[in-house]
C-alpha cells in the first residue's frame, strides 16, 4: 500500500499523544524488514520497511523464535525515550526523535527516519 503525505500526516497526529514521552523498553527485528519497539507489557510499535506493505502501527508481539537482537539496536534504541514524532511537510517521511542515557551519564539524541515510499521504504537511524 502506498501511503500519501496527507495520510501520513493524519497518522502522525494520531500517534503523537500515544508515543511522545514513552520509554522503549526493548527493541528487536522481527522478520526480515520489521523493527519492533516494546513500549509496555502489551504494546509493540511496528516499523515495517517491507517493499509491498510498509507501515507504522501498534502490533501484537511477534513470536519469540522470529526475534533477532542486533548490537546497534541495543546501543542506540533499547531503553531510549521517544521525545517526539513528526511528519515532514509534503513528504512521505516520519521522524522519531529518541534520547538515551549512556554508561557515563550523558545523553545522546538519535533520529529514526522512516521513508514510506512504497517498495523503496527505508528506516534510517541517524546519530
PDB file of N, CA and C in Angstrom:
ATOM      1  N   UNK A   1       0.842  -1.170   0.000  1.00  0.00           N
ATOM      2  CA  UNK A   1       0.000   0.000   0.000  1.00  0.00           C
ATOM      3  C   UNK A   1       0.886   1.233   0.000  1.00  0.00           C
ATOM      4  N   UNK A   2       0.580   2.175  -0.861  1.00  0.00           N
ATOM      5  CA  UNK A   2       1.342   3.398  -0.978  1.00  0.00           C
ATOM      6  C   UNK A   2       0.655   4.485  -0.159  1.00  0.00           C
ATOM      7  N   UNK A   3       1.310   4.978   0.876  1.00  0.00           N
ATOM      8  CA  UNK A   3       0.733   5.979   1.759  1.00  0.00           C
ATOM      9  C   UNK A   3       1.029   7.374   1.229  1.00  0.00           C
ATOM     10  N   UNK A   4       0.016   8.228   1.178  1.00  0.00           N
ATOM     11  CA  UNK A   4       0.222   9.597   0.721  1.00  0.00           C
ATOM     12  C   UNK A   4       0.744  10.450   1.881  1.00  0.00           C
ATOM     13  N   UNK A   5       1.226  11.632   1.551  1.00  0.00           N
ATOM     14  CA  UNK A   5       1.731  12.546   2.570  1.00  0.00           C
ATOM     15  C   UNK A   5       0.613  12.970   3.514  1.00  0.00           C
ATOM     16  N   UNK A   6      -0.591  13.156   2.999  1.00  0.00           N
ATOM     17  CA  UNK A   6      -1.728  13.540   3.832  1.00  0.00           C
ATOM     18  C   UNK A   6      -2.105  12.423   4.800  1.00  0.00           C
ATOM     19  N   UNK A   7      -2.085  11.172   4.320  1.00  0.00           N
ATOM     20  CA  UNK A   7      -2.377  10.031   5.187  1.00  0.00           C
ATOM     21  C   UNK A   7      -1.348   9.918   6.304  1.00  0.00           C
ATOM     22  N   UNK A   8      -0.074  10.109   5.966  1.00  0.00           N
ATOM     23  CA  UNK A   8       0.974  10.042   6.991  1.00  0.00           C
ATOM     24  C   UNK A   8       0.846  11.179   7.996  1.00  0.00           C
ATOM     25  N   UNK A   9       0.437  12.353   7.548  1.00  0.00           N
ATOM     26  CA  UNK A   9       0.242  13.479   8.456  1.00  0.00           C
ATOM     27  C   UNK A   9      -0.848  13.153   9.478  1.00  0.00           C
ATOM     28  N   UNK A  10      -1.946  12.586   9.021  1.00  0.00           N
ATOM     29  CA  UNK A  10      -3.035  12.200   9.929  1.00  0.00           C
ATOM     30  C   UNK A  10      -2.600  11.068  10.862  1.00  0.00           C
ATOM     31  N   UNK A  11      -1.807  10.128  10.355  1.00  0.00           N
ATOM     32  CA  UNK A  11      -1.293   9.041  11.178  1.00  0.00           C
ATOM     33  C   UNK A  11      -0.418   9.573  12.298  1.00  0.00           C
ATOM     34  N   UNK A  12       0.459  10.507  11.984  1.00  0.00           N
ATOM     35  CA  UNK A  12       1.346  11.096  12.999  1.00  0.00           C
ATOM     36  C   UNK A  12       0.535  11.851  14.040  1.00  0.00           C
ATOM     37  N   UNK A  13      -0.526  12.536  13.612  1.00  0.00           N
ATOM     38  CA  UNK A  13      -1.379  13.250  14.565  1.00  0.00           C
ATOM     39  C   UNK A  13      -2.040  12.282  15.543  1.00  0.00           C
ATOM     40  N   UNK A  14      -2.381  11.086  15.081  1.00  0.00           N
ATOM     41  CA  UNK A  14      -2.964  10.073  15.966  1.00  0.00           C
ATOM     42  C   UNK A  14      -1.923   9.441  16.874  1.00  0.00           C
ATOM     43  N   UNK A  15      -0.700   9.229  16.353  1.00  0.00           N
ATOM     44  CA  UNK A  15       0.343   8.557  17.133  1.00  0.00           C
ATOM     45  C   UNK A  15       1.032   9.473  18.139  1.00  0.00           C
ATOM     46  N   UNK A  16       1.030  10.779  17.903  1.00  0.00           N
ATOM     47  CA  UNK A  16       1.761  11.707  18.757  1.00  0.00           C
ATOM     48  C   UNK A  16       1.413  11.585  20.242  1.00  0.00           C
ATOM     49  N   UNK A  17       0.140  11.639  20.638  1.00  0.00           N
ATOM     50  CA  UNK A  17      -0.139  11.533  22.075  1.00  0.00           C
ATOM     51  C   UNK A  17       0.217  10.170  22.665  1.00  0.00           C
ATOM     52  N   UNK A  18       0.157   9.127  21.854  1.00  0.00           N
ATOM     53  CA  UNK A  18       0.436   7.780  22.353  1.00  0.00           C
ATOM     54  C   UNK A  18       1.933   7.490  22.454  1.00  0.00           C
ATOM     55  N   UNK A  19       2.774   8.183  21.674  1.00  0.00           N
ATOM     56  CA  UNK A  19       4.197   7.858  21.639  1.00  0.00           C
ATOM     57  C   UNK A  19       5.101   8.873  22.329  1.00  0.00           C
ATOM     58  N   UNK A  20       4.690  10.121  22.392  1.00  0.00           N
ATOM     59  CA  UNK A  20       5.550  11.153  22.979  1.00  0.00           C
ATOM     60  C   UNK A  20       5.770  10.860  24.459  1.00  0.00           C
ATOM     61  N   UNK A  21       7.024  10.964  24.863  1.00  0.00           N
ATOM     62  CA  UNK A  21       7.464  10.715  26.246  1.00  0.00           C
ATOM     63  C   UNK A  21       7.250   9.267  26.687  1.00  0.00           C
ATOM     64  N   UNK A  22       7.410   8.332  25.770  1.00  0.00           N
ATOM     65  CA  UNK A  22       7.318   6.910  26.100  1.00  0.00           C
ATOM     66  C   UNK A  22       8.711   6.299  26.109  1.00  0.00           C
ATOM     67  N   UNK A  23       8.907   5.298  26.927  1.00  0.00           N
ATOM     68  CA  UNK A  23      10.168   4.577  27.019  1.00  0.00           C
ATOM     69  C   UNK A  23      10.106   3.338  26.137  1.00  0.00           C
ATOM     70  N   UNK A  24      11.149   3.150  25.343  1.00  0.00           N
ATOM     71  CA  UNK A  24      11.281   1.929  24.549  1.00  0.00           C
ATOM     72  C   UNK A  24      11.996   0.916  25.438  1.00  0.00           C
ATOM     73  N   UNK A  25      11.256  -0.008  25.999  1.00  0.00           N
ATOM     74  CA  UNK A  25      11.850  -0.977  26.926  1.00  0.00           C
ATOM     75  C   UNK A  25      12.803  -1.921  26.223  1.00  0.00           C
ATOM     76  N   UNK A  26      12.438  -2.333  25.020  1.00  0.00           N
ATOM     77  CA  UNK A  26      13.265  -3.259  24.261  1.00  0.00           C
ATOM     78  C   UNK A  26      12.992  -3.025  22.784  1.00  0.00           C
ATOM     79  N   UNK A  27      13.950  -3.363  21.948  1.00  0.00           N
ATOM     80  CA  UNK A  27      13.780  -3.243  20.500  1.00  0.00           C
ATOM     81  C   UNK A  27      14.475  -4.431  19.842  1.00  0.00           C
ATOM     82  N   UNK A  28      13.888  -4.919  18.772  1.00  0.00           N
ATOM     83  CA  UNK A  28      14.450  -6.074  18.073  1.00  0.00           C
ATOM     84  C   UNK A  28      13.873  -6.148  16.673  1.00  0.00           C
ATOM     85  N   UNK A  29      14.512  -6.914  15.830  1.00  0.00           N
ATOM     86  CA  UNK A  29      13.998  -7.180  14.491  1.00  0.00           C
ATOM     87  C   UNK A  29      13.081  -8.385  14.554  1.00  0.00           C
ATOM     88  N   UNK A  30      11.974  -8.300  13.848  1.00  0.00           N
ATOM     89  CA  UNK A  30      11.063  -9.430  13.745  1.00  0.00           C
ATOM     90  C   UNK A  30      11.451 -10.237  12.530  1.00  0.00           C
ATOM     91  N   UNK A  31      10.657 -10.108  11.489  1.00  0.00           N
ATOM     92  CA  UNK A  31      11.015 -10.749  10.231  1.00  0.00           C
ATOM     93  C   UNK A  31      12.091  -9.918   9.546  1.00  0.00           C
ATOM     94  N   UNK A  32      12.281 -10.153   8.290  1.00  0.00           N
ATOM     95  CA  UNK A  32      13.376  -9.535   7.550  1.00  0.00           C
ATOM     96  C   UNK A  32      13.326  -8.006   7.531  1.00  0.00           C
ATOM     97  N   UNK A  33      12.142  -7.410   7.466  1.00  0.00           N
ATOM     98  CA  UNK A  33      12.011  -5.968   7.295  1.00  0.00           C
ATOM     99  C   UNK A  33      11.313  -5.275   8.460  1.00  0.00           C
ATOM    100  N   UNK A  34      11.066  -5.961   9.563  1.00  0.00           N
ATOM    101  CA  UNK A  34      10.239  -5.424  10.642  1.00  0.00           C
ATOM    102  C   UNK A  34      11.065  -5.086  11.877  1.00  0.00           C
ATOM    103  N   UNK A  35      10.915  -3.851  12.359  1.00  0.00           N
ATOM    104  CA  UNK A  35      11.566  -3.395  13.585  1.00  0.00           C
ATOM    105  C   UNK A  35      10.474  -3.177  14.625  1.00  0.00           C
ATOM    106  N   UNK A  36      10.589  -3.853  15.764  1.00  0.00           N
ATOM    107  CA  UNK A  36       9.594  -3.769  16.825  1.00  0.00           C
ATOM    108  C   UNK A  36      10.169  -3.016  18.020  1.00  0.00           C
ATOM    109  N   UNK A  37       9.330  -2.146  18.614  1.00  0.00           N
ATOM    110  CA  UNK A  37       9.654  -1.477  19.870  1.00  0.00           C
ATOM    111  C   UNK A  37       8.685  -1.982  20.919  1.00  0.00           C
ATOM    112  N   UNK A  38       9.216  -2.478  22.042  1.00  0.00           N
ATOM    113  CA  UNK A  38       8.391  -2.895  23.167  1.00  0.00           C
ATOM    114  C   UNK A  38       8.178  -1.667  24.046  1.00  0.00           C
ATOM    115  N   UNK A  39       6.945  -1.147  24.057  1.00  0.00           N
ATOM    116  CA  UNK A  39       6.640   0.069  24.808  1.00  0.00           C
ATOM    117  C   UNK A  39       6.120  -0.215  26.204  1.00  0.00           C
ATOM    118  N   UNK A  40       5.453  -1.331  26.395  1.00  0.00           N
ATOM    119  CA  UNK A  40       4.962  -1.742  27.708  1.00  0.00           C
ATOM    120  C   UNK A  40       4.626  -3.224  27.639  1.00  0.00           C
ATOM    121  N   UNK A  41       3.860  -3.697  28.591  1.00  0.00           N
ATOM    122  CA  UNK A  41       3.585  -5.128  28.661  1.00  0.00           C
ATOM    123  C   UNK A  41       2.900  -5.673  27.412  1.00  0.00           C
ATOM    124  N   UNK A  42       1.965  -4.942  26.851  1.00  0.00           N
ATOM    125  CA  UNK A  42       1.223  -5.475  25.715  1.00  0.00           C
ATOM    126  C   UNK A  42       1.281  -4.584  24.481  1.00  0.00           C
ATOM    127  N   UNK A  43       2.056  -3.520  24.514  1.00  0.00           N
ATOM    128  CA  UNK A  43       2.110  -2.608  23.382  1.00  0.00           C
ATOM    129  C   UNK A  43       3.435  -2.713  22.644  1.00  0.00           C
ATOM    130  N   UNK A  44       3.355  -2.979  21.366  1.00  0.00           N
ATOM    131  CA  UNK A  44       4.516  -3.025  20.495  1.00  0.00           C
ATOM    132  C   UNK A  44       4.273  -2.082  19.333  1.00  0.00           C
ATOM    133  N   UNK A  45       5.279  -1.276  19.000  1.00  0.00           N
ATOM    134  CA  UNK A  45       5.206  -0.416  17.833  1.00  0.00           C
ATOM    135  C   UNK A  45       5.990  -1.093  16.723  1.00  0.00           C
ATOM    136  N   UNK A  46       5.367  -1.234  15.571  1.00  0.00           N
ATOM    137  CA  UNK A  46       5.982  -1.891  14.427  1.00  0.00           C
ATOM    138  C   UNK A  46       6.356  -0.847  13.393  1.00  0.00           C
ATOM    139  N   UNK A  47       7.629  -0.833  13.002  1.00  0.00           N
ATOM    140  CA  UNK A  47       8.109  -0.043  11.869  1.00  0.00           C
ATOM    141  C   UNK A  47       8.494  -1.061  10.804  1.00  0.00           C
ATOM    142  N   UNK A  48       7.698  -1.141   9.749  1.00  0.00           N
ATOM    143  CA  UNK A  48       7.940  -2.139   8.721  1.00  0.00           C
ATOM    144  C   UNK A  48       8.413  -1.474   7.442  1.00  0.00           C
ATOM    145  N   UNK A  49       9.531  -1.956   6.914  1.00  0.00           N
ATOM    146  CA  UNK A  49      10.074  -1.467   5.652  1.00  0.00           C
ATOM    147  C   UNK A  49       9.879  -2.509   4.561  1.00  0.00           C
ATOM    148  N   UNK A  50       8.844  -3.304   4.692  1.00  0.00           N
ATOM    149  CA  UNK A  50       8.547  -4.341   3.704  1.00  0.00           C
ATOM    150  C   UNK A  50       8.214  -3.671   2.369  1.00  0.00           C
ATOM    151  N   UNK A  51       8.819  -4.100   1.268  1.00  0.00           N
ATOM    152  CA  UNK A  51       8.591  -3.446  -0.023  1.00  0.00           C
ATOM    153  C   UNK A  51       7.125  -3.426  -0.467  1.00  0.00           C
ATOM    154  N   UNK A  52       6.364  -4.419  -0.118  1.00  0.00           N
ATOM    155  CA  UNK A  52       4.981  -4.472  -0.552  1.00  0.00           C
ATOM    156  C   UNK A  52       3.996  -3.865   0.416  1.00  0.00           C
ATOM    157  N   UNK A  53       4.398  -3.700   1.683  1.00  0.00           N
ATOM    158  CA  UNK A  53       3.440  -3.262   2.690  1.00  0.00           C
ATOM    159  C   UNK A  53       4.147  -2.488   3.803  1.00  0.00           C
ATOM    160  N   UNK A  54       4.672  -1.316   3.489  1.00  0.00           N
ATOM    161  CA  UNK A  54       5.342  -0.510   4.510  1.00  0.00           C
ATOM    162  C   UNK A  54       4.292   0.082   5.435  1.00  0.00           C
ATOM    163  N   UNK A  55       4.624   0.155   6.739  1.00  0.00           N
ATOM    164  CA  UNK A  55       3.652   0.670   7.702  1.00  0.00           C
ATOM    165  C   UNK A  55       4.332   1.009   9.020  1.00  0.00           C
ATOM    166  N   UNK A  56       3.639   1.817   9.793  1.00  0.00           N
ATOM    167  CA  UNK A  56       3.992   2.087  11.178  1.00  0.00           C
ATOM    168  C   UNK A  56       2.689   1.961  11.955  1.00  0.00           C
ATOM    169  N   UNK A  57       2.663   1.058  12.935  1.00  0.00           N
ATOM    170  CA  UNK A  57       1.410   0.774  13.628  1.00  0.00           C
ATOM    171  C   UNK A  57       1.690   0.066  14.945  1.00  0.00           C
ATOM    172  N   UNK A  58       0.693   0.093  15.830  1.00  0.00           N
ATOM    173  CA  UNK A  58       0.757  -0.742  17.024  1.00  0.00           C
ATOM    174  C   UNK A  58       0.446  -2.167  16.597  1.00  0.00           C
ATOM    175  N   UNK A  59       1.116  -3.126  17.231  1.00  0.00           N
ATOM    176  CA  UNK A  59       1.047  -4.501  16.763  1.00  0.00           C
ATOM    177  C   UNK A  59       1.074  -5.458  17.951  1.00  0.00           C
ATOM    178  N   UNK A  60       0.540  -6.660  17.781  1.00  0.00           N
ATOM    179  CA  UNK A  60       0.745  -7.687  18.809  1.00  0.00           C
ATOM    180  C   UNK A  60       2.207  -8.141  18.782  1.00  0.00           C
ATOM    181  N   UNK A  61       2.688  -8.723  19.862  1.00  0.00           N
ATOM    182  CA  UNK A  61       4.089  -9.150  19.880  1.00  0.00           C
ATOM    183  C   UNK A  61       4.356 -10.252  18.867  1.00  0.00           C
ATOM    184  N   UNK A  62       5.538 -10.220  18.247  1.00  0.00           N
ATOM    185  CA  UNK A  62       5.888 -11.288  17.310  1.00  0.00           C
ATOM    186  C   UNK A  62       6.283 -12.548  18.079  1.00  0.00           C
ATOM    187  N   UNK A  63       6.310 -13.691  17.419  1.00  0.00           N
ATOM    188  CA  UNK A  63       6.741 -14.919  18.102  1.00  0.00           C
ATOM    189  C   UNK A  63       8.196 -14.816  18.563  1.00  0.00           C
ATOM    190  N   UNK A  64       8.491 -15.460  19.658  1.00  0.00           N
ATOM    191  CA  UNK A  64       9.839 -15.408  20.233  1.00  0.00           C
ATOM    192  C   UNK A  64      10.906 -15.920  19.270  1.00  0.00           C
ATOM    193  N   UNK A  65      10.588 -16.948  18.485  1.00  0.00           N
ATOM    194  CA  UNK A  65      11.598 -17.542  17.610  1.00  0.00           C
ATOM    195  C   UNK A  65      11.966 -16.644  16.430  1.00  0.00           C
ATOM    196  N   UNK A  66      11.140 -15.642  16.118  1.00  0.00           N
ATOM    197  CA  UNK A  66      11.454 -14.769  14.989  1.00  0.00           C
ATOM    198  C   UNK A  66      12.191 -13.492  15.411  1.00  0.00           C
ATOM    199  N   UNK A  67      12.460 -13.313  16.689  1.00  0.00           N
ATOM    200  CA  UNK A  67      13.122 -12.104  17.176  1.00  0.00           C
ATOM    201  C   UNK A  67      14.639 -12.192  16.987  1.00  0.00           C
ATOM    202  N   UNK A  68      15.207 -11.112  16.463  1.00  0.00           N
ATOM    203  CA  UNK A  68      16.650 -11.043  16.235  1.00  0.00           C
ATOM    204  C   UNK A  68      17.211  -9.835  16.972  1.00  0.00           C
ATOM    205  N   UNK A  69      18.257 -10.058  17.757  1.00  0.00           N
ATOM    206  CA  UNK A  69      18.911  -8.979  18.504  1.00  0.00           C
ATOM    207  C   UNK A  69      20.136  -8.517  17.725  1.00  0.00           C
ATOM    208  N   UNK A  70      20.285  -7.206  17.589  1.00  0.00           N
ATOM    209  CA  UNK A  70      21.444  -6.623  16.919  1.00  0.00           C
ATOM    210  C   UNK A  70      22.104  -5.616  17.850  1.00  0.00           C
ATOM    211  N   UNK A  71      23.431  -5.486  17.748  1.00  0.00           N
ATOM    212  CA  UNK A  71      24.162  -4.620  18.676  1.00  0.00           C
ATOM    213  C   UNK A  71      23.806  -3.147  18.511  1.00  0.00           C
ATOM    214  N   UNK A  72      23.547  -2.684  17.282  1.00  0.00           N
ATOM    215  CA  UNK A  72      23.220  -1.266  17.108  1.00  0.00           C
ATOM    216  C   UNK A  72      21.861  -0.928  17.701  1.00  0.00           C
ATOM    217  N   UNK A  73      20.960  -1.895  17.733  1.00  0.00           N
ATOM    218  CA  UNK A  73      19.656  -1.654  18.358  1.00  0.00           C
ATOM    219  C   UNK A  73      19.833  -1.501  19.857  1.00  0.00           C
ATOM    220  N   UNK A  74      20.635  -2.378  20.474  1.00  0.00           N
ATOM    221  CA  UNK A  74      20.884  -2.267  21.906  1.00  0.00           C
ATOM    222  C   UNK A  74      21.593  -0.955  22.249  1.00  0.00           C
ATOM    223  N   UNK A  75      22.501  -0.543  21.403  1.00  0.00           N
ATOM    224  CA  UNK A  75      23.296   0.644  21.684  1.00  0.00           C
ATOM    225  C   UNK A  75      22.494   1.938  21.566  1.00  0.00           C
ATOM    226  N   UNK A  76      21.664   2.065  20.549  1.00  0.00           N
ATOM    227  CA  UNK A  76      21.004   3.334  20.286  1.00  0.00           C
ATOM    228  C   UNK A  76      19.515   3.383  20.620  1.00  0.00           C
ATOM    229  N   UNK A  77      18.815   2.256  20.597  1.00  0.00           N
ATOM    230  CA  UNK A  77      17.358   2.297  20.682  1.00  0.00           C
ATOM    231  C   UNK A  77      16.807   1.697  21.972  1.00  0.00           C
ATOM    232  N   UNK A  78      17.329   0.556  22.419  1.00  0.00           N
ATOM    233  CA  UNK A  78      16.797  -0.078  23.624  1.00  0.00           C
ATOM    234  C   UNK A  78      16.985   0.815  24.834  1.00  0.00           C
ATOM    235  N   UNK A  79      15.941   0.927  25.633  1.00  0.00           N
ATOM    236  CA  UNK A  79      15.902   1.746  26.844  1.00  0.00           C
ATOM    237  C   UNK A  79      16.054   3.238  26.546  1.00  0.00           C
ATOM    238  N   UNK A  80      15.626   3.657  25.367  1.00  0.00           N
ATOM    239  CA  UNK A  80      15.628   5.073  24.987  1.00  0.00           C
ATOM    240  C   UNK A  80      14.215   5.624  25.141  1.00  0.00           C
ATOM    241  N   UNK A  81      14.117   6.930  25.270  1.00  0.00           N
ATOM    242  CA  UNK A  81      12.819   7.585  25.378  1.00  0.00           C
ATOM    243  C   UNK A  81      12.463   8.273  24.077  1.00  0.00           C
ATOM    244  N   UNK A  82      11.219   8.140  23.680  1.00  0.00           N
ATOM    245  CA  UNK A  82      10.747   8.825  22.477  1.00  0.00           C
ATOM    246  C   UNK A  82      10.405  10.257  22.868  1.00  0.00           C
ATOM    247  N   UNK A  83      11.115  11.207  22.300  1.00  0.00           N
ATOM    248  CA  UNK A  83      10.895  12.612  22.606  1.00  0.00           C
ATOM    249  C   UNK A  83       9.771  13.175  21.742  1.00  0.00           C
ATOM    250  N   UNK A  84       9.804  12.871  20.444  1.00  0.00           N
ATOM    251  CA  UNK A  84       8.771  13.402  19.559  1.00  0.00           C
ATOM    252  C   UNK A  84       8.645  12.532  18.320  1.00  0.00           C
ATOM    253  N   UNK A  85       7.520  12.692  17.654  1.00  0.00           N
ATOM    254  CA  UNK A  85       7.280  12.076  16.359  1.00  0.00           C
ATOM    255  C   UNK A  85       6.734  13.184  15.467  1.00  0.00           C
ATOM    256  N   UNK A  86       7.279  13.288  14.264  1.00  0.00           N
ATOM    257  CA  UNK A  86       6.894  14.378  13.371  1.00  0.00           C
ATOM    258  C   UNK A  86       6.813  13.887  11.940  1.00  0.00           C
ATOM    259  N   UNK A  87       6.038  14.612  11.162  1.00  0.00           N
ATOM    260  CA  UNK A  87       5.891  14.349   9.728  1.00  0.00           C
ATOM    261  C   UNK A  87       6.554  15.492   8.984  1.00  0.00           C
ATOM    262  N   UNK A  88       7.355  15.177   7.978  1.00  0.00           N
ATOM    263  CA  UNK A  88       7.966  16.218   7.147  1.00  0.00           C
ATOM    264  C   UNK A  88       6.899  16.717   6.181  1.00  0.00           C
ATOM    265  N   UNK A  89       6.643  18.015   6.139  1.00  0.00           N
ATOM    266  CA  UNK A  89       5.576  18.530   5.278  1.00  0.00           C
ATOM    267  C   UNK A  89       5.790  18.169   3.803  1.00  0.00           C
ATOM    268  N   UNK A  90       4.716  17.743   3.170  1.00  0.00           N
ATOM    269  CA  UNK A  90       4.668  17.412   1.740  1.00  0.00           C
ATOM    270  C   UNK A  90       5.583  16.251   1.353  1.00  0.00           C
ATOM    271  N   UNK A  91       6.018  15.466   2.301  1.00  0.00           N
ATOM    272  CA  UNK A  91       6.873  14.303   2.038  1.00  0.00           C
ATOM    273  C   UNK A  91       6.231  13.073   2.668  1.00  0.00           C
ATOM    274  N   UNK A  92       6.687  11.913   2.260  1.00  0.00           N
ATOM    275  CA  UNK A  92       6.227  10.660   2.866  1.00  0.00           C
ATOM    276  C   UNK A  92       7.291  10.174   3.841  1.00  0.00           C
ATOM    277  N   UNK A  93       7.612  11.041   4.799  1.00  0.00           N
ATOM    278  CA  UNK A  93       8.676  10.767   5.764  1.00  0.00           C
ATOM    279  C   UNK A  93       8.160  11.063   7.170  1.00  0.00           C
ATOM    280  N   UNK A  94       8.416  10.127   8.081  1.00  0.00           N
ATOM    281  CA  UNK A  94       8.105  10.294   9.503  1.00  0.00           C
ATOM    282  C   UNK A  94       9.418  10.228  10.273  1.00  0.00           C
ATOM    283  N   UNK A  95       9.566  11.110  11.256  1.00  0.00           N
ATOM    284  CA  UNK A  95      10.802  11.169  12.033  1.00  0.00           C
ATOM    285  C   UNK A  95      10.482  10.994  13.518  1.00  0.00           C
ATOM    286  N   UNK A  96      11.183  10.052  14.158  1.00  0.00           N
ATOM    287  CA  UNK A  96      11.091   9.862  15.599  1.00  0.00           C
ATOM    288  C   UNK A  96      12.398  10.334  16.217  1.00  0.00           C
ATOM    289  N   UNK A  97      12.312  11.216  17.200  1.00  0.00           N
ATOM    290  CA  UNK A  97      13.494  11.685  17.924  1.00  0.00           C
ATOM    291  C   UNK A  97      13.538  10.929  19.241  1.00  0.00           C
ATOM    292  N   UNK A  98      14.678  10.280  19.513  1.00  0.00           N
ATOM    293  CA  UNK A  98      14.820   9.497  20.733  1.00  0.00           C
ATOM    294  C   UNK A  98      16.059   9.954  21.502  1.00  0.00           C
ATOM    295  N   UNK A  99      15.969   9.914  22.826  1.00  0.00           N
ATOM    296  CA  UNK A  99      17.093  10.229  23.712  1.00  0.00           C
ATOM    297  C   UNK A  99      17.441   8.985  24.514  1.00  0.00           C
ATOM    298  N   UNK A 100      18.730   8.796  24.737  1.00  0.00           N
ATOM    299  CA  UNK A 100      19.182   7.659  25.531  1.00  0.00           C
ATOM    300  C   UNK A 100      20.347   8.086  26.407  1.00  0.00           C
ATOM    301  N   UNK A 101      20.343   7.613  27.636  1.00  0.00           N
ATOM    302  CA  UNK A 101      21.475   7.863  28.530  1.00  0.00           C
ATOM    303  C   UNK A 101      22.534   6.811  28.278  1.00  0.00           C
ATOM    304  N   UNK A 102      23.793   7.261  28.213  1.00  0.00           N
ATOM    305  CA  UNK A 102      24.878   6.313  28.012  1.00  0.00           C
ATOM    306  C   UNK A 102      25.440   5.860  29.357  1.00  0.00           C
ATOM    307  N   UNK A 103      26.466   5.043  29.296  1.00  0.00           N
ATOM    308  CA  UNK A 103      27.038   4.478  30.532  1.00  0.00           C
ATOM    309  C   UNK A 103      27.695   5.520  31.413  1.00  0.00           C
ATOM    310  N   UNK A 104      28.130   6.640  30.840  1.00  0.00           N
ATOM    311  CA  UNK A 104      28.806   7.685  31.603  1.00  0.00           C
ATOM    312  C   UNK A 104      27.848   8.725  32.159  1.00  0.00           C
ATOM    313  N   UNK A 105      26.569   8.602  31.879  1.00  0.00           N
ATOM    314  CA  UNK A 105      25.576   9.517  32.411  1.00  0.00           C
ATOM    315  C   UNK A 105      25.165  10.620  31.450  1.00  0.00           C
ATOM    316  N   UNK A 106      25.823  10.726  30.333  1.00  0.00           N
ATOM    317  CA  UNK A 106      25.436  11.717  29.328  1.00  0.00           C
ATOM    318  C   UNK A 106      24.262  11.218  28.502  1.00  0.00           C
ATOM    319  N   UNK A 107      23.667  12.120  27.762  1.00  0.00           N
ATOM    320  CA  UNK A 107      22.569  11.711  26.905  1.00  0.00           C
ATOM    321  C   UNK A 107      22.961  11.880  25.445  1.00  0.00           C
ATOM    322  N   UNK A 108      22.438  11.002  24.632  1.00  0.00           N
ATOM    323  CA  UNK A 108      22.655  11.110  23.191  1.00  0.00           C
ATOM    324  C   UNK A 108      21.300  11.167  22.506  1.00  0.00           C
ATOM    325  N   UNK A 109      21.219  11.972  21.481  1.00  0.00           N
ATOM    326  CA  UNK A 109      19.983  12.112  20.724  1.00  0.00           C
ATOM    327  C   UNK A 109      20.160  11.443  19.375  1.00  0.00           C
ATOM    328  N   UNK A 110      19.205  10.619  18.994  1.00  0.00           N
ATOM    329  CA  UNK A 110      19.206   9.948  17.700  1.00  0.00           C
ATOM    330  C   UNK A 110      17.868  10.199  17.028  1.00  0.00           C
ATOM    331  N   UNK A 111      17.851  10.010  15.726  1.00  0.00           N
ATOM    332  CA  UNK A 111      16.617  10.153  14.963  1.00  0.00           C
ATOM    333  C   UNK A 111      16.405   8.896  14.138  1.00  0.00           C
ATOM    334  N   UNK A 112      15.185   8.421  14.142  1.00  0.00           N
ATOM    335  CA  UNK A 112      14.775   7.332  13.257  1.00  0.00           C
ATOM    336  C   UNK A 112      13.927   7.956  12.160  1.00  0.00           C
ATOM    337  N   UNK A 113      14.425   7.907  10.951  1.00  0.00           N
ATOM    338  CA  UNK A 113      13.728   8.498   9.816  1.00  0.00           C
ATOM    339  C   UNK A 113      13.097   7.365   9.019  1.00  0.00           C
ATOM    340  N   UNK A 114      11.783   7.397   8.904  1.00  0.00           N
ATOM    341  CA  UNK A 114      11.034   6.359   8.203  1.00  0.00           C
ATOM    342  C   UNK A 114      10.535   6.942   6.887  1.00  0.00           C
ATOM    343  N   UNK A 115      11.111   6.495   5.801  1.00  0.00           N
ATOM    344  CA  UNK A 115      10.683   6.929   4.469  1.00  0.00           C
ATOM    345  C   UNK A 115       9.675   5.907   3.952  1.00  0.00           C
ATOM    346  N   UNK A 116       8.429   6.292   3.852  1.00  0.00           N
ATOM    347  CA  UNK A 116       7.354   5.399   3.434  1.00  0.00           C
ATOM    348  C   UNK A 116       7.069   5.608   1.948  1.00  0.00           C
ATOM    349  N   UNK A 117       7.953   5.096   1.095  1.00  0.00           N
ATOM    350  CA  UNK A 117       7.865   5.355  -0.334  1.00  0.00           C
ATOM    351  C   UNK A 117       7.647   4.037  -1.078  1.00  0.00           C
ATOM    352  N   UNK A 118       6.558   3.363  -0.750  1.00  0.00           N
ATOM    353  CA  UNK A 118       6.210   2.123  -1.446  1.00  0.00           C
ATOM    354  C   UNK A 118       7.290   1.067  -1.338  1.00  0.00           C
ATOM    355  N   UNK A 119       7.743   0.559  -2.483  1.00  0.00           N
ATOM    356  CA  UNK A 119       8.745  -0.510  -2.459  1.00  0.00           C
ATOM    357  C   UNK A 119      10.144  -0.007  -2.127  1.00  0.00           C
ATOM    358  N   UNK A 120      10.322   1.307  -2.029  1.00  0.00           N
ATOM    359  CA  UNK A 120      11.625   1.890  -1.678  1.00  0.00           C
ATOM    360  C   UNK A 120      11.642   2.394  -0.239  1.00  0.00           C
ATOM    361  N   UNK A 121      10.876   1.778   0.637  1.00  0.00           N
ATOM    362  CA  UNK A 121      10.767   2.186   2.021  1.00  0.00           C
ATOM    363  C   UNK A 121      12.061   1.916   2.774  1.00  0.00           C
ATOM    364  N   UNK A 122      12.441   2.862   3.628  1.00  0.00           N
ATOM    365  CA  UNK A 122      13.645   2.741   4.451  1.00  0.00           C
ATOM    366  C   UNK A 122      13.355   3.194   5.866  1.00  0.00           C
ATOM    367  N   UNK A 123      14.053   2.609   6.828  1.00  0.00           N
ATOM    368  CA  UNK A 123      14.086   3.091   8.200  1.00  0.00           C
ATOM    369  C   UNK A 123      15.556   3.366   8.490  1.00  0.00           C
ATOM    370  N   UNK A 124      15.872   4.645   8.732  1.00  0.00           N
ATOM    371  CA  UNK A 124      17.257   5.077   8.845  1.00  0.00           C
ATOM    372  C   UNK A 124      17.489   5.613  10.255  1.00  0.00           C
ATOM    373  N   UNK A 125      18.543   5.143  10.898  1.00  0.00           N
ATOM    374  CA  UNK A 125      18.947   5.649  12.203  1.00  0.00           C
ATOM    375  C   UNK A 125      20.052   6.662  12.008  1.00  0.00           C
ATOM    376  N   UNK A 126      19.862   7.882  12.510  1.00  0.00           N
ATOM    377  CA  UNK A 126      20.853   8.954  12.401  1.00  0.00           C
ATOM    378  C   UNK A 126      21.261   9.335  13.804  1.00  0.00           C
ATOM    379  N   UNK A 127      22.538   9.283  14.093  1.00  0.00           N
ATOM    380  CA  UNK A 127      23.045   9.616  15.419  1.00  0.00           C
ATOM    381  C   UNK A 127      23.475  11.072  15.435  1.00  0.00           C
TER     382      UNK A 127
END
